[in-house]
Each structure stands twice: as structure tokens, then as C-alpha cells.
Amino acid sequence: MATQLRVYPAPEDTYDELEEGQEPSVRVRLGDLLPLVALAQRMNFMWVKDFLDDEVTITEDLHDVLQSFRGCRPTAG
């Protein structure tokens, strides 16, 4: 006999949290974060897409380096 699945609505407070978003509360080193995100992106994990519109806060010097990098794409070689 096949197992029947039941669908239950999420509690109302879950919807409120999703609409308002979560405040950032965890600090992570970029060196720890990038390999995990890159792997998830390469493997096409769907959850990555859920976070593509999230904003991150970076230091001004990293922002400057990234802007310069964007302007002069290095050649592969």
C-alpha cells in the first residue's frame, strides 16, 4: 500500500518572518563562504537561488578591489 502524504499549512509566524526577512546575525570569513557557495552553484542546488537577492555587507577596500576587477577581466592562461 502506498504511503499517503499530508500537506499542512505553515504556521502564520513563518510567513511573517519570510516577508520581513531576517536580520544578519552571523559573521563568516569570505574564505569559508566562497567555496561552499561556488560548489552549490556549480551543482545547481536550488536553495542558492533563494538567496540571490540577499545583500551582504563588505569592507570598502574589498568593494574597491571588486570594482576594479569587474573593469578589467583577467585573461585565462
Protein backbone atom coordinates (compact mmCIF):
# COMPACT_ATOMS: atom_id res chain seq x y z
CA MET A 1 0.00 0.00 0.00
CA ALA A 2 1.36 3.41 -0.98
CA THR A 3 2.09 5.94 1.73
CA GLN A 4 -0.20 8.95 1.65
CA LEU A 5 1.38 12.34 2.10
CA ARG A 6 -0.32 15.05 4.08
CA VAL A 7 0.24 18.73 3.50
CA TYR A 8 -0.07 21.05 6.45
CA PRO A 9 -0.09 24.84 6.21
CA ALA A 10 2.92 26.57 7.71
CA PRO A 11 2.32 28.46 10.96
CA GLU A 12 1.39 32.11 10.43
CA ASP A 13 4.55 33.38 12.15
CA THR A 14 6.65 31.62 9.48
CA TYR A 15 5.01 33.74 6.78
CA ASP A 16 5.67 36.91 8.74
CA GLU A 17 9.35 36.03 9.08
CA LEU A 18 9.68 35.33 5.36
CA GLU A 19 8.04 38.61 4.39
CA GLU A 20 10.14 40.73 6.72
CA GLY A 21 13.40 38.89 6.13
CA GLN A 22 15.97 38.04 8.72
CA GLU A 23 18.43 40.42 10.23
CA PRO A 24 22.06 39.38 9.65
CA SER A 25 23.47 37.88 12.82
CA VAL A 26 26.33 35.56 11.83
CA ARG A 27 29.79 36.65 10.74
CA VAL A 28 31.58 34.34 8.31
CA ARG A 29 35.01 34.59 6.73
CA LEU A 30 34.84 35.08 2.96
CA GLY A 31 37.39 32.26 2.59
CA ASP A 32 34.95 29.87 4.30
CA LEU A 33 31.88 31.12 2.47
CA LEU A 34 33.03 31.30 -1.16
CA PRO A 35 33.98 27.63 -1.67
CA LEU A 36 30.62 26.47 -0.31
CA VAL A 37 28.58 28.88 -2.39
CA ALA A 38 30.65 28.13 -5.50
CA LEU A 39 30.15 24.38 -5.05
CA ALA A 40 26.41 24.78 -4.52
CA GLN A 41 26.20 27.00 -7.62
CA ARG A 42 28.19 24.52 -9.76
CA MET A 43 25.97 21.66 -8.60
CA ASN A 44 22.83 23.71 -9.32
CA PHE A 45 21.37 23.46 -5.85
CA MET A 46 18.01 25.21 -5.93
CA TRP A 47 18.44 26.81 -2.49
CA VAL A 48 21.17 29.07 -3.85
CA LYS A 49 18.56 30.87 -5.98
CA ASP A 50 16.58 31.67 -2.81
CA PHE A 51 19.42 33.89 -1.64
CA LEU A 52 20.49 35.63 -4.85
CA ASP A 53 18.66 38.83 -3.92
CA ASP A 54 20.10 38.93 -0.40
CA GLU A 55 22.53 41.72 0.29
CA VAL A 56 25.85 41.26 2.04
CA THR A 57 28.00 43.87 3.71
CA ILE A 58 31.64 44.03 2.69
CA THR A 59 34.52 46.31 3.55
CA GLU A 60 35.18 49.36 1.40
CA ASP A 61 38.59 48.08 0.31
CA LEU A 62 37.10 44.78 -0.90
CA HIS A 63 34.44 46.74 -2.75
CA ASP A 64 37.14 48.83 -4.47
CA VAL A 65 39.06 45.71 -5.49
CA LEU A 66 35.91 44.06 -6.84
CA GLN A 67 35.00 47.16 -8.84
CA SER A 68 38.49 47.27 -10.35
CA PHE A 69 38.33 43.55 -11.08
CA ARG A 70 34.98 43.99 -12.83
CA GLY A 71 36.53 46.64 -15.08
CA CYS A 72 39.49 44.56 -16.20
CA ARG A 73 38.63 40.91 -16.63
CA PRO A 74 41.81 38.84 -16.48
CA THR A 75 42.62 36.60 -19.41
CA ALA A 76 42.73 32.87 -18.84
CA GLY A 77 46.12 31.42 -19.21
